Amino acid sequence: MNSTENIDGGPVWYRNTPPNLLGESPIYRACDSTLHWIDCYSTPCAVHILTVDPSTGEAIGRARILEVPFGRITSIYFRKGTPGSYICGYQQGIALLDEKTGGVVVLKELIKKEDSEAWAMNDGGVDPQGRFWIGEVDMKALFAKMGGKSLPEGYGSPRGRLWRYEADGTCTIMDTGIGCGNGIGWSPDGKCMYFNDSVPQITWRYDFDRETGKICNKMKIIGDLPQGVLNDGCVVDQEGNLWVAMFMLNCVMVYTPEGSLLKTIRFPAKLITCPTWGGRGNDILFITSAQPLPEDAAPGDEGGHVFRYKTELKGMAKHEFAG
């Protein structure tokens, strides 16, 4: 494989009507071959549930749209042994979401309502032992980064946190100084955890203890992205490579576990948000995207729809929450 291979990822696979404002957090359920994702900024927030052919990845019919009037949902994961229920991040914390009704039960409020405009929960992940992890976004730090500006003098480091939530309800701060917590993934052997912080544009790798859920030896493995690009959601394949959605760069970039770029897969949407593996062999990548702002939209931009890419490698299915 050429170390700088560029690949055309293909056209829109599934066209949302209307386009998602911010499509995010896709997850695939093998037992009924359904793809689930959220539109964080629709009114109300909504989960889209689409049946797909497990062999070809073709969409079957139209997605069911589950409205969630509770508020903004930022990430969803399935619960092991509890059909029809997700664990989710919402703007202020962690909750359970009912797949049939859209009802929400709050588990932990981690950000006070009066502070929720300053920072919020964002992307999440589930580790091999079934713990739910979620990062926060410091809105001031994020807006400064996207505007090419510095934080105000005296503000200090970004104030976001990385949380770990366990099946017994224990919730622990695992890291601080987070600007915009995004994709989280684990190596196939469960010994490493990867975490995207989009404000410094860094992918961090930690040593991970599967039994205790502790992380240590934080190391930068991916950085030096173009100005304004946000390393967003990510997944890991069975060889340990990271597949990272690049918001503002119309692509998914594939890296070795050490952070060397293998290939770039390009799509006709500038705001690529998050991938997930699916299909019978976990060899189909489904990718969500966001609508560009009208003033930023380029001709032909297909943001707000879902893309599909058939891979030569098999992926690591996303884990389910143990509670």
C-alpha atoms as a PDB file:
ATOM      1  CA  MET A   1       0.000   0.000   0.000  1.00  0.00           C
ATOM      2  CA  ASN A   2       1.315   3.429  -0.947  1.00  0.00           C
ATOM      3  CA  SER A   3       1.893   5.416   2.250  1.00  0.00           C
ATOM      4  CA  THR A   4       0.184   8.492   0.789  1.00  0.00           C
ATOM      5  CA  GLU A   5      -2.599   6.774  -1.149  1.00  0.00           C
ATOM      6  CA  ASN A   6      -5.566   9.005  -2.029  1.00  0.00           C
ATOM      7  CA  ILE A   7      -8.882   7.288  -2.644  1.00  0.00           C
ATOM      8  CA  ASP A   8     -12.254   8.495  -3.905  1.00  0.00           C
ATOM      9  CA  GLY A   9     -14.733   7.312  -1.266  1.00  0.00           C
ATOM     10  CA  GLY A  10     -17.684   7.582  -3.615  1.00  0.00           C
ATOM     11  CA  PRO A  11     -20.951   9.528  -3.695  1.00  0.00           C
ATOM     12  CA  VAL A  12     -23.690   9.881  -1.100  1.00  0.00           C
ATOM     13  CA  TRP A  13     -24.942   6.443  -0.027  1.00  0.00           C
ATOM     14  CA  TYR A  14     -28.024   7.486   1.945  1.00  0.00           C
ATOM     15  CA  ARG A  15     -29.670  10.849   1.350  1.00  0.00           C
ATOM     16  CA  ASN A  16     -31.351  12.352   4.412  1.00  0.00           C
ATOM     17  CA  THR A  17     -34.510  14.405   3.813  1.00  0.00           C
ATOM     18  CA  PRO A  18     -33.804  17.073   4.888  1.00  0.00           C
ATOM     19  CA  PRO A  19     -30.015  16.824   5.237  1.00  0.00           C
ATOM     20  CA  ASN A  20     -28.770  16.403   8.804  1.00  0.00           C
ATOM     21  CA  LEU A  21     -27.570  19.633  10.381  1.00  0.00           C
ATOM     22  CA  LEU A  22     -24.946  17.655  12.318  1.00  0.00           C
ATOM     23  CA  GLY A  23     -24.981  13.907  11.675  1.00  0.00           C
ATOM     24  CA  GLU A  24     -22.983  12.122  14.374  1.00  0.00           C
ATOM     25  CA  SER A  25     -22.276   8.985  16.413  1.00  0.00           C
ATOM     26  CA  PRO A  26     -23.156   6.182  13.956  1.00  0.00           C
ATOM     27  CA  ILE A  27     -23.385   2.664  15.445  1.00  0.00           C
ATOM     28  CA  TYR A  28     -24.238  -0.628  13.734  1.00  0.00           C
ATOM     29  CA  ARG A  29     -26.267  -3.430  15.318  1.00  0.00           C
ATOM     30  CA  ALA A  30     -25.501  -6.831  13.826  1.00  0.00           C
ATOM     31  CA  CYS A  31     -28.510  -8.787  15.170  1.00  0.00           C
ATOM     32  CA  ASP A  32     -30.969  -6.881  12.955  1.00  0.00           C
ATOM     33  CA  SER A  33     -28.452  -5.172  10.624  1.00  0.00           C
ATOM     34  CA  THR A  34     -29.489  -1.634  11.479  1.00  0.00           C
ATOM     35  CA  LEU A  35     -27.461   1.550  11.357  1.00  0.00           C
ATOM     36  CA  HIS A  36     -28.245   4.192  13.998  1.00  0.00           C
ATOM     37  CA  TRP A  37     -27.011   7.787  14.037  1.00  0.00           C
ATOM     38  CA  ILE A  38     -28.076  11.132  15.465  1.00  0.00           C
ATOM     39  CA  ASP A  39     -28.729  14.600  14.126  1.00  0.00           C
ATOM     40  CA  CYS A  40     -27.552  16.643  17.093  1.00  0.00           C
ATOM     41  CA  TYR A  41     -28.975  19.971  15.964  1.00  0.00           C
ATOM     42  CA  SER A  42     -32.301  19.035  14.411  1.00  0.00           C
ATOM     43  CA  THR A  43     -35.389  20.354  16.186  1.00  0.00           C
ATOM     44  CA  PRO A  44     -36.034  18.255  18.103  1.00  0.00           C
ATOM     45  CA  CYS A  45     -32.843  16.213  18.216  1.00  0.00           C
ATOM     46  CA  ALA A  46     -33.380  12.901  16.400  1.00  0.00           C
ATOM     47  CA  VAL A  47     -32.000   9.376  16.114  1.00  0.00           C
ATOM     48  CA  HIS A  48     -32.126   7.851  12.621  1.00  0.00           C
ATOM     49  CA  ILE A  49     -32.516   4.046  12.416  1.00  0.00           C
ATOM     50  CA  LEU A  50     -31.968   2.427   9.028  1.00  0.00           C
ATOM     51  CA  THR A  51     -32.040  -1.248   8.000  1.00  0.00           C
ATOM     52  CA  VAL A  52     -29.171  -2.245   5.712  1.00  0.00           C
ATOM     53  CA  ASP A  53     -28.322  -5.386   3.784  1.00  0.00           C
ATOM     54  CA  PRO A  54     -25.587  -7.061   5.877  1.00  0.00           C
ATOM     55  CA  SER A  55     -23.764  -8.397   2.808  1.00  0.00           C
ATOM     56  CA  THR A  56     -23.825  -5.425   0.457  1.00  0.00           C
ATOM     57  CA  GLY A  57     -24.499  -2.570   2.840  1.00  0.00           C
ATOM     58  CA  GLU A  58     -27.346  -1.330   0.644  1.00  0.00           C
ATOM     59  CA  ALA A  59     -30.037   0.662   2.426  1.00  0.00           C
ATOM     60  CA  ILE A  60     -33.398  -1.090   2.771  1.00  0.00           C
ATOM     61  CA  GLY A  61     -36.238   1.426   2.710  1.00  0.00           C
ATOM     62  CA  ARG A  62     -36.097   4.696   4.616  1.00  0.00           C
ATOM     63  CA  ALA A  63     -34.759   5.397   8.091  1.00  0.00           C
ATOM     64  CA  ARG A  64     -37.143   5.581  11.018  1.00  0.00           C
ATOM     65  CA  ILE A  65     -36.674   8.934  12.721  1.00  0.00           C
ATOM     66  CA  LEU A  66     -36.929   8.862  16.509  1.00  0.00           C
ATOM     67  CA  GLU A  67     -37.513  12.341  17.896  1.00  0.00           C
ATOM     68  CA  VAL A  68     -35.927  13.127  21.256  1.00  0.00           C
ATOM     69  CA  PRO A  69     -37.619  16.250  22.670  1.00  0.00           C
ATOM     70  CA  PHE A  70     -35.511  16.066  25.848  1.00  0.00           C
ATOM     71  CA  GLY A  71     -32.676  18.120  24.357  1.00  0.00           C
ATOM     72  CA  ARG A  72     -29.427  17.753  22.440  1.00  0.00           C
ATOM     73  CA  ILE A  73     -28.008  14.223  22.370  1.00  0.00           C
ATOM     74  CA  THR A  74     -24.296  14.109  21.504  1.00  0.00           C
ATOM     75  CA  SER A  75     -23.433  10.387  21.321  1.00  0.00           C
ATOM     76  CA  ILE A  76     -25.200   7.020  21.556  1.00  0.00           C
ATOM     77  CA  TYR A  77     -24.095   3.441  22.239  1.00  0.00           C
ATOM     78  CA  PHE A  78     -26.016   0.215  22.648  1.00  0.00           C
ATOM     79  CA  ARG A  79     -26.444  -1.470  26.042  1.00  0.00           C
ATOM     80  CA  LYS A  80     -25.355  -5.079  26.337  1.00  0.00           C
ATOM     81  CA  GLY A  81     -28.261  -7.338  27.247  1.00  0.00           C
ATOM     82  CA  THR A  82     -30.791  -4.480  27.176  1.00  0.00           C
ATOM     83  CA  PRO A  83     -32.433  -4.382  23.742  1.00  0.00           C
ATOM     84  CA  GLY A  84     -34.055  -1.147  22.664  1.00  0.00           C
ATOM     85  CA  SER A  85     -31.974   1.079  24.931  1.00  0.00           C
ATOM     86  CA  TYR A  86     -28.950   3.315  24.433  1.00  0.00           C
ATOM     87  CA  ILE A  87     -26.546   4.931  26.830  1.00  0.00           C
ATOM     88  CA  CYS A  88     -26.006   8.460  25.597  1.00  0.00           C
ATOM     89  CA  GLY A  89     -24.258  11.715  26.206  1.00  0.00           C
ATOM     90  CA  TYR A  90     -26.442  14.793  26.360  1.00  0.00           C
ATOM     91  CA  GLN A  91     -25.406  18.423  26.705  1.00  0.00           C
ATOM     92  CA  GLN A  92     -25.061  18.296  30.498  1.00  0.00           C
ATOM     93  CA  GLY A  93     -24.239  14.681  31.249  1.00  0.00           C
ATOM     94  CA  ILE A  94     -24.994  10.988  30.743  1.00  0.00           C
ATOM     95  CA  ALA A  95     -28.407   9.363  30.282  1.00  0.00           C
ATOM     96  CA  LEU A  96     -30.354   6.372  29.000  1.00  0.00           C
ATOM     97  CA  LEU A  97     -32.437   6.745  25.845  1.00  0.00           C
ATOM     98  CA  ASP A  98     -35.366   4.512  24.870  1.00  0.00           C
ATOM     99  CA  GLU A  99     -35.216   3.415  21.231  1.00  0.00           C
ATOM    100  CA  LYS A 100     -38.995   3.117  20.855  1.00  0.00           C
ATOM    101  CA  THR A 101     -40.293   6.209  22.647  1.00  0.00           C
ATOM    102  CA  GLY A 102     -37.386   8.674  22.689  1.00  0.00           C
ATOM    103  CA  GLY A 103     -37.744   8.904  26.457  1.00  0.00           C
ATOM    104  CA  VAL A 104     -34.658   9.896  28.435  1.00  0.00           C
ATOM    105  CA  VAL A 105     -33.608   8.972  31.979  1.00  0.00           C
ATOM    106  CA  VAL A 106     -30.721  11.054  33.346  1.00  0.00           C
ATOM    107  CA  LEU A 107     -27.974   9.028  35.023  1.00  0.00           C
ATOM    108  CA  LYS A 108     -25.465  11.775  35.843  1.00  0.00           C
ATOM    109  CA  GLU A 109     -25.657  15.526  35.445  1.00  0.00           C
ATOM    110  CA  LEU A 110     -22.020  16.584  35.131  1.00  0.00           C
ATOM    111  CA  ILE A 111     -22.434  20.179  33.936  1.00  0.00           C
ATOM    112  CA  LYS A 112     -24.788  22.613  35.627  1.00  0.00           C
ATOM    113  CA  LYS A 113     -27.477  24.116  33.433  1.00  0.00           C
ATOM    114  CA  GLU A 114     -26.142  27.625  33.979  1.00  0.00           C
ATOM    115  CA  ASP A 115     -22.737  26.470  32.682  1.00  0.00           C
ATOM    116  CA  SER A 116     -24.002  24.510  29.680  1.00  0.00           C
ATOM    117  CA  GLU A 117     -23.429  27.320  27.196  1.00  0.00           C
ATOM    118  CA  ALA A 118     -19.767  27.538  28.239  1.00  0.00           C
ATOM    119  CA  TRP A 119     -19.020  23.845  27.914  1.00  0.00           C
ATOM    120  CA  ALA A 120     -20.892  20.657  27.109  1.00  0.00           C
ATOM    121  CA  MET A 121     -20.586  16.914  26.717  1.00  0.00           C
ATOM    122  CA  ASN A 122     -19.519  15.757  23.271  1.00  0.00           C
ATOM    123  CA  ASP A 123     -18.353  12.478  21.732  1.00  0.00           C
ATOM    124  CA  GLY A 124     -18.134   9.191  23.617  1.00  0.00           C
ATOM    125  CA  GLY A 125     -17.001   5.581  23.429  1.00  0.00           C
ATOM    126  CA  VAL A 126     -17.329   2.248  25.204  1.00  0.00           C
ATOM    127  CA  ASP A 127     -14.223   0.330  26.264  1.00  0.00           C
ATOM    128  CA  PRO A 128     -13.705  -3.466  25.959  1.00  0.00           C
ATOM    129  CA  GLN A 129     -15.034  -4.001  29.500  1.00  0.00           C
ATOM    130  CA  GLY A 130     -18.234  -2.057  28.806  1.00  0.00           C
ATOM    131  CA  ARG A 131     -17.466   1.264  30.508  1.00  0.00           C
ATOM    132  CA  PHE A 132     -18.764   4.457  28.864  1.00  0.00           C
ATOM    133  CA  TRP A 133     -16.272   7.275  28.233  1.00  0.00           C
ATOM    134  CA  ILE A 134     -17.196  10.794  27.170  1.00  0.00           C
ATOM    135  CA  GLY A 135     -15.287  14.006  26.560  1.00  0.00           C
ATOM    136  CA  GLU A 136     -16.396  17.580  27.058  1.00  0.00           C
ATOM    137  CA  VAL A 137     -16.008  20.571  24.766  1.00  0.00           C
ATOM    138  CA  ASP A 138     -14.899  23.963  26.060  1.00  0.00           C
ATOM    139  CA  MET A 139     -16.920  26.206  23.741  1.00  0.00           C
ATOM    140  CA  LYS A 140     -14.688  29.241  24.167  1.00  0.00           C
ATOM    141  CA  ALA A 141     -11.603  27.192  23.288  1.00  0.00           C
ATOM    142  CA  LEU A 142     -13.338  25.590  20.299  1.00  0.00           C
ATOM    143  CA  PHE A 143     -14.650  28.868  18.855  1.00  0.00           C
ATOM    144  CA  ALA A 144     -11.250  30.494  19.309  1.00  0.00           C
ATOM    145  CA  LYS A 145      -9.592  27.639  17.436  1.00  0.00           C
ATOM    146  CA  MET A 146     -12.075  27.677  14.573  1.00  0.00           C
ATOM    147  CA  GLY A 147     -11.692  31.433  14.296  1.00  0.00           C
ATOM    148  CA  GLY A 148      -7.901  31.221  14.232  1.00  0.00           C
ATOM    149  CA  LYS A 149      -7.648  33.164  17.501  1.00  0.00           C
ATOM    150  CA  SER A 150      -6.021  32.655  20.877  1.00  0.00           C
ATOM    151  CA  LEU A 151      -7.848  32.262  24.174  1.00  0.00           C
ATOM    152  CA  PRO A 152      -8.130  35.461  26.220  1.00  0.00           C
ATOM    153  CA  GLU A 153      -5.115  36.319  28.349  1.00  0.00           C
ATOM    154  CA  GLY A 154      -5.431  34.731  31.758  1.00  0.00           C
ATOM    155  CA  TYR A 155      -7.944  32.087  30.614  1.00  0.00           C
ATOM    156  CA  GLY A 156      -5.410  29.309  31.012  1.00  0.00           C
ATOM    157  CA  SER A 157      -5.768  25.849  29.492  1.00  0.00           C
ATOM    158  CA  PRO A 158      -9.057  24.584  28.045  1.00  0.00           C
ATOM    159  CA  ARG A 159     -11.404  23.447  30.794  1.00  0.00           C
ATOM    160  CA  GLY A 160     -12.969  20.312  29.328  1.00  0.00           C
ATOM    161  CA  ARG A 161     -12.741  16.934  31.071  1.00  0.00           C
ATOM    162  CA  LEU A 162     -12.679  13.286  30.016  1.00  0.00           C
ATOM    163  CA  TRP A 163     -15.081  11.109  32.026  1.00  0.00           C
ATOM    164  CA  ARG A 164     -15.404   7.356  32.620  1.00  0.00           C
ATOM    165  CA  TYR A 165     -18.832   6.031  33.650  1.00  0.00           C
ATOM    166  CA  GLU A 166     -19.172   2.463  34.953  1.00  0.00           C
ATOM    167  CA  ALA A 167     -22.095   0.044  35.116  1.00  0.00           C
ATOM    168  CA  ASP A 168     -22.478   0.599  38.869  1.00  0.00           C
ATOM    169  CA  GLY A 169     -22.885   4.360  38.368  1.00  0.00           C
ATOM    170  CA  THR A 170     -19.348   5.341  39.391  1.00  0.00           C
ATOM    171  CA  CYS A 171     -18.229   8.374  37.391  1.00  0.00           C
ATOM    172  CA  THR A 172     -14.566   9.445  37.361  1.00  0.00           C
ATOM    173  CA  ILE A 173     -12.607  12.294  35.760  1.00  0.00           C
ATOM    174  CA  MET A 174      -9.804  10.617  33.786  1.00  0.00           C
ATOM    175  CA  ASP A 175      -8.145  13.636  32.153  1.00  0.00           C
ATOM    176  CA  THR A 176      -8.444  17.429  32.129  1.00  0.00           C
ATOM    177  CA  GLY A 177      -7.407  20.348  29.933  1.00  0.00           C
ATOM    178  CA  ILE A 178      -9.587  19.097  27.070  1.00  0.00           C
ATOM    179  CA  GLY A 179     -10.561  21.560  24.339  1.00  0.00           C
ATOM    180  CA  CYS A 180     -13.008  19.450  22.339  1.00  0.00           C
ATOM    181  CA  GLY A 181     -13.224  15.776  23.258  1.00  0.00           C
ATOM    182  CA  ASN A 182     -13.992  13.746  20.167  1.00  0.00           C
ATOM    183  CA  GLY A 183     -13.417  10.199  18.867  1.00  0.00           C
ATOM    184  CA  ILE A 184     -12.370   7.515  21.358  1.00  0.00           C
ATOM    185  CA  GLY A 185     -11.167   4.034  20.381  1.00  0.00           C
ATOM    186  CA  TRP A 186      -9.207   1.041  21.644  1.00  0.00           C
ATOM    187  CA  SER A 187      -6.549  -1.166  20.101  1.00  0.00           C
ATOM    188  CA  PRO A 188      -7.543  -4.752  19.192  1.00  0.00           C
ATOM    189  CA  ASP A 189      -5.669  -6.143  22.220  1.00  0.00           C
ATOM    190  CA  GLY A 190      -7.252  -3.554  24.526  1.00  0.00           C
ATOM    191  CA  LYS A 191      -3.877  -2.271  25.736  1.00  0.00           C
ATOM    192  CA  CYS A 192      -4.108   1.209  24.182  1.00  0.00           C
ATOM    193  CA  MET A 193      -6.784   3.894  24.149  1.00  0.00           C
ATOM    194  CA  TYR A 194      -6.950   6.646  21.517  1.00  0.00           C
ATOM    195  CA  PHE A 195      -8.604  10.011  22.078  1.00  0.00           C
ATOM    196  CA  ASN A 196      -9.052  12.958  19.719  1.00  0.00           C
ATOM    197  CA  ASP A 197      -8.896  16.481  21.108  1.00  0.00           C
ATOM    198  CA  SER A 198      -9.954  18.721  18.241  1.00  0.00           C
ATOM    199  CA  VAL A 199      -8.799  22.057  19.670  1.00  0.00           C
ATOM    200  CA  PRO A 200      -5.051  21.267  19.679  1.00  0.00           C
ATOM    201  CA  GLN A 201      -5.741  18.939  16.685  1.00  0.00           C
ATOM    202  CA  ILE A 202      -4.068  16.017  18.442  1.00  0.00           C
ATOM    203  CA  THR A 203      -4.799  12.312  18.682  1.00  0.00           C
ATOM    204  CA  TRP A 204      -3.520  11.034  22.023  1.00  0.00           C
ATOM    205  CA  ARG A 205      -2.590   7.455  22.831  1.00  0.00           C
ATOM    206  CA  TYR A 206      -2.713   6.169  26.415  1.00  0.00           C
ATOM    207  CA  ASP A 207      -1.671   2.869  27.900  1.00  0.00           C
ATOM    208  CA  PHE A 208      -4.928   1.247  28.988  1.00  0.00           C
ATOM    209  CA  ASP A 209      -5.562  -1.262  31.773  1.00  0.00           C
ATOM    210  CA  ARG A 210      -8.572  -3.342  30.722  1.00  0.00           C
ATOM    211  CA  GLU A 211      -9.323  -4.613  34.197  1.00  0.00           C
ATOM    212  CA  THR A 212      -9.223  -1.315  36.080  1.00  0.00           C
ATOM    213  CA  GLY A 213      -9.985   1.139  33.270  1.00  0.00           C
ATOM    214  CA  LYS A 214      -6.983   3.270  34.236  1.00  0.00           C
ATOM    215  CA  ILE A 215      -5.005   5.226  31.631  1.00  0.00           C
ATOM    216  CA  CYS A 216      -1.390   6.411  31.762  1.00  0.00           C
ATOM    217  CA  ASN A 217       1.622   7.345  29.603  1.00  0.00           C
ATOM    218  CA  LYS A 218      -0.255   9.859  27.435  1.00  0.00           C
ATOM    219  CA  MET A 219       1.512  10.332  24.096  1.00  0.00           C
ATOM    220  CA  LYS A 220       0.794  12.473  21.038  1.00  0.00           C
ATOM    221  CA  ILE A 221       0.689  10.307  17.922  1.00  0.00           C
ATOM    222  CA  ILE A 222      -1.173  12.474  15.368  1.00  0.00           C
ATOM    223  CA  GLY A 223      -0.977  16.235  14.984  1.00  0.00           C
ATOM    224  CA  ASP A 224       0.127  18.936  12.529  1.00  0.00           C
ATOM    225  CA  LEU A 225      -3.234  19.132  10.794  1.00  0.00           C
ATOM    226  CA  PRO A 226      -4.095  22.128   8.594  1.00  0.00           C
ATOM    227  CA  GLN A 227      -5.473  25.196  10.356  1.00  0.00           C
ATOM    228  CA  GLY A 228      -9.189  24.869  11.096  1.00  0.00           C
ATOM    229  CA  VAL A 229      -9.373  21.099  10.572  1.00  0.00           C
ATOM    230  CA  LEU A 230     -10.877  19.139  13.476  1.00  0.00           C
ATOM    231  CA  ASN A 231      -9.969  15.486  14.045  1.00  0.00           C
ATOM    232  CA  ASP A 232     -13.454  14.201  14.817  1.00  0.00           C
ATOM    233  CA  GLY A 233     -14.828  10.668  15.291  1.00  0.00           C
ATOM    234  CA  CYS A 234     -12.661   7.584  14.856  1.00  0.00           C
ATOM    235  CA  VAL A 235     -12.673   3.795  14.689  1.00  0.00           C
ATOM    236  CA  VAL A 236      -9.978   1.101  14.743  1.00  0.00           C
ATOM    237  CA  ASP A 237      -9.538  -1.830  12.355  1.00  0.00           C
ATOM    238  CA  GLN A 238      -8.425  -5.356  13.252  1.00  0.00           C
ATOM    239  CA  GLU A 239      -4.816  -4.519  12.368  1.00  0.00           C
ATOM    240  CA  GLY A 240      -4.860  -1.639  14.851  1.00  0.00           C
ATOM    241  CA  ASN A 241      -5.002   1.218  12.339  1.00  0.00           C
ATOM    242  CA  LEU A 242      -7.002   4.352  13.189  1.00  0.00           C
ATOM    243  CA  TRP A 243      -9.617   5.695  10.781  1.00  0.00           C
ATOM    244  CA  VAL A 244     -10.201   9.356  11.680  1.00  0.00           C
ATOM    245  CA  ALA A 245     -12.960  11.598  10.291  1.00  0.00           C
ATOM    246  CA  MET A 246     -11.560  15.023   9.406  1.00  0.00           C
ATOM    247  CA  PHE A 247     -14.114  17.797   9.883  1.00  0.00           C
ATOM    248  CA  MET A 248     -13.397  20.671   7.441  1.00  0.00           C
ATOM    249  CA  LEU A 249     -11.207  18.419   5.234  1.00  0.00           C
ATOM    250  CA  ASN A 250     -13.793  16.192   3.428  1.00  0.00           C
ATOM    251  CA  CYS A 251     -12.055  12.920   4.287  1.00  0.00           C
ATOM    252  CA  VAL A 252     -11.308   9.987   6.536  1.00  0.00           C
ATOM    253  CA  MET A 253      -7.576   9.599   7.147  1.00  0.00           C
ATOM    254  CA  VAL A 254      -6.097   6.209   8.039  1.00  0.00           C
ATOM    255  CA  TYR A 255      -3.072   6.000  10.354  1.00  0.00           C
ATOM    256  CA  THR A 256      -0.910   3.261  11.790  1.00  0.00           C
ATOM    257  CA  PRO A 257      -1.012   2.783  15.585  1.00  0.00           C
ATOM    258  CA  GLU A 258       2.147   4.898  15.731  1.00  0.00           C
ATOM    259  CA  GLY A 259       0.517   7.763  13.821  1.00  0.00           C
ATOM    260  CA  SER A 260       1.958   7.369  10.307  1.00  0.00           C
ATOM    261  CA  LEU A 261      -0.484   8.256   7.542  1.00  0.00           C
ATOM    262  CA  LEU A 262      -1.452   5.301   5.332  1.00  0.00           C
ATOM    263  CA  LYS A 263      -4.187   6.718   3.118  1.00  0.00           C
ATOM    264  CA  THR A 264      -6.818   9.399   2.688  1.00  0.00           C
ATOM    265  CA  ILE A 265     -10.367   8.577   1.608  1.00  0.00           C
ATOM    266  CA  ARG A 266     -12.181  11.612   0.209  1.00  0.00           C
ATOM    267  CA  PHE A 267     -15.900  12.309   0.108  1.00  0.00           C
ATOM    268  CA  PRO A 268     -17.957  15.120  -1.498  1.00  0.00           C
ATOM    269  CA  ALA A 269     -18.656  16.811   1.852  1.00  0.00           C
ATOM    270  CA  LYS A 270     -16.342  19.158   3.703  1.00  0.00           C
ATOM    271  CA  LEU A 271     -17.740  18.378   7.157  1.00  0.00           C
ATOM    272  CA  ILE A 272     -17.095  14.666   7.687  1.00  0.00           C
ATOM    273  CA  THR A 273     -17.940  13.793  11.294  1.00  0.00           C
ATOM    274  CA  CYS A 274     -17.783  10.141  12.361  1.00  0.00           C
ATOM    275  CA  PRO A 275     -17.307   6.598  10.980  1.00  0.00           C
ATOM    276  CA  THR A 276     -18.487   3.197  12.178  1.00  0.00           C
ATOM    277  CA  TRP A 277     -17.909  -0.350  10.979  1.00  0.00           C
ATOM    278  CA  GLY A 278     -20.828  -2.458   9.844  1.00  0.00           C
ATOM    279  CA  GLY A 279     -21.985  -5.304   7.645  1.00  0.00           C
ATOM    280  CA  ARG A 280     -21.664  -9.033   8.191  1.00  0.00           C
ATOM    281  CA  GLY A 281     -17.859  -8.921   8.019  1.00  0.00           C
ATOM    282  CA  ASN A 282     -17.366  -5.491   9.648  1.00  0.00           C
ATOM    283  CA  ASP A 283     -15.777  -4.435   6.372  1.00  0.00           C
ATOM    284  CA  ILE A 284     -18.151  -1.624   5.454  1.00  0.00           C
ATOM    285  CA  LEU A 285     -17.466   1.859   6.779  1.00  0.00           C
ATOM    286  CA  PHE A 286     -20.502   4.108   7.264  1.00  0.00           C
ATOM    287  CA  ILE A 287     -19.693   7.801   7.661  1.00  0.00           C
ATOM    288  CA  THR A 288     -21.890  10.682   8.856  1.00  0.00           C
ATOM    289  CA  SER A 289     -21.489  14.325   7.896  1.00  0.00           C
ATOM    290  CA  ALA A 290     -22.813  17.803   8.617  1.00  0.00           C
ATOM    291  CA  GLN A 291     -24.437  20.503   6.530  1.00  0.00           C
ATOM    292  CA  PRO A 292     -22.129  23.406   5.745  1.00  0.00           C
ATOM    293  CA  LEU A 293     -23.235  26.889   6.682  1.00  0.00           C
ATOM    294  CA  PRO A 294     -24.792  28.603   3.651  1.00  0.00           C
ATOM    295  CA  GLU A 295     -21.968  31.131   3.487  1.00  0.00           C
ATOM    296  CA  ASP A 296     -19.374  28.330   3.500  1.00  0.00           C
ATOM    297  CA  ALA A 297     -21.069  25.869   1.151  1.00  0.00           C
ATOM    298  CA  ALA A 298     -19.080  24.957  -1.952  1.00  0.00           C
ATOM    299  CA  PRO A 299     -20.904  23.916  -5.119  1.00  0.00           C
ATOM    300  CA  GLY A 300     -21.694  20.212  -4.954  1.00  0.00           C
ATOM    301  CA  ASP A 301     -21.086  19.852  -1.225  1.00  0.00           C
ATOM    302  CA  GLU A 302     -23.153  16.863  -0.026  1.00  0.00           C
ATOM    303  CA  GLY A 303     -22.844  17.493   3.697  1.00  0.00           C
ATOM    304  CA  GLY A 304     -25.684  16.252   5.885  1.00  0.00           C
ATOM    305  CA  HIS A 305     -25.935  12.841   4.230  1.00  0.00           C
ATOM    306  CA  VAL A 306     -24.368   9.435   4.958  1.00  0.00           C
ATOM    307  CA  PHE A 307     -21.516   7.842   3.014  1.00  0.00           C
ATOM    308  CA  ARG A 308     -20.414   4.218   2.671  1.00  0.00           C
ATOM    309  CA  TYR A 309     -17.002   2.790   1.849  1.00  0.00           C
ATOM    310  CA  LYS A 310     -16.214  -0.923   1.374  1.00  0.00           C
ATOM    311  CA  THR A 311     -12.820  -1.689   2.897  1.00  0.00           C
ATOM    312  CA  GLU A 312     -10.217  -4.361   2.323  1.00  0.00           C
ATOM    313  CA  LEU A 313      -9.698  -4.650   6.082  1.00  0.00           C
ATOM    314  CA  LYS A 314     -12.123  -5.698   8.785  1.00  0.00           C
ATOM    315  CA  GLY A 315     -12.985  -3.303  11.567  1.00  0.00           C
ATOM    316  CA  MET A 316     -13.398  -3.595  15.310  1.00  0.00           C
ATOM    317  CA  ALA A 317     -17.103  -3.459  16.147  1.00  0.00           C
ATOM    318  CA  LYS A 318     -17.979  -0.800  18.717  1.00  0.00           C
ATOM    319  CA  HIS A 319     -18.410  -2.194  22.224  1.00  0.00           C
ATOM    320  CA  GLU A 320     -21.677  -2.084  24.186  1.00  0.00           C
ATOM    321  CA  PHE A 321     -22.221  -0.534  27.615  1.00  0.00           C
ATOM    322  CA  ALA A 322     -22.304  -3.143  30.377  1.00  0.00           C
ATOM    323  CA  GLY A 323     -24.984  -1.455  32.493  1.00  0.00           C
END
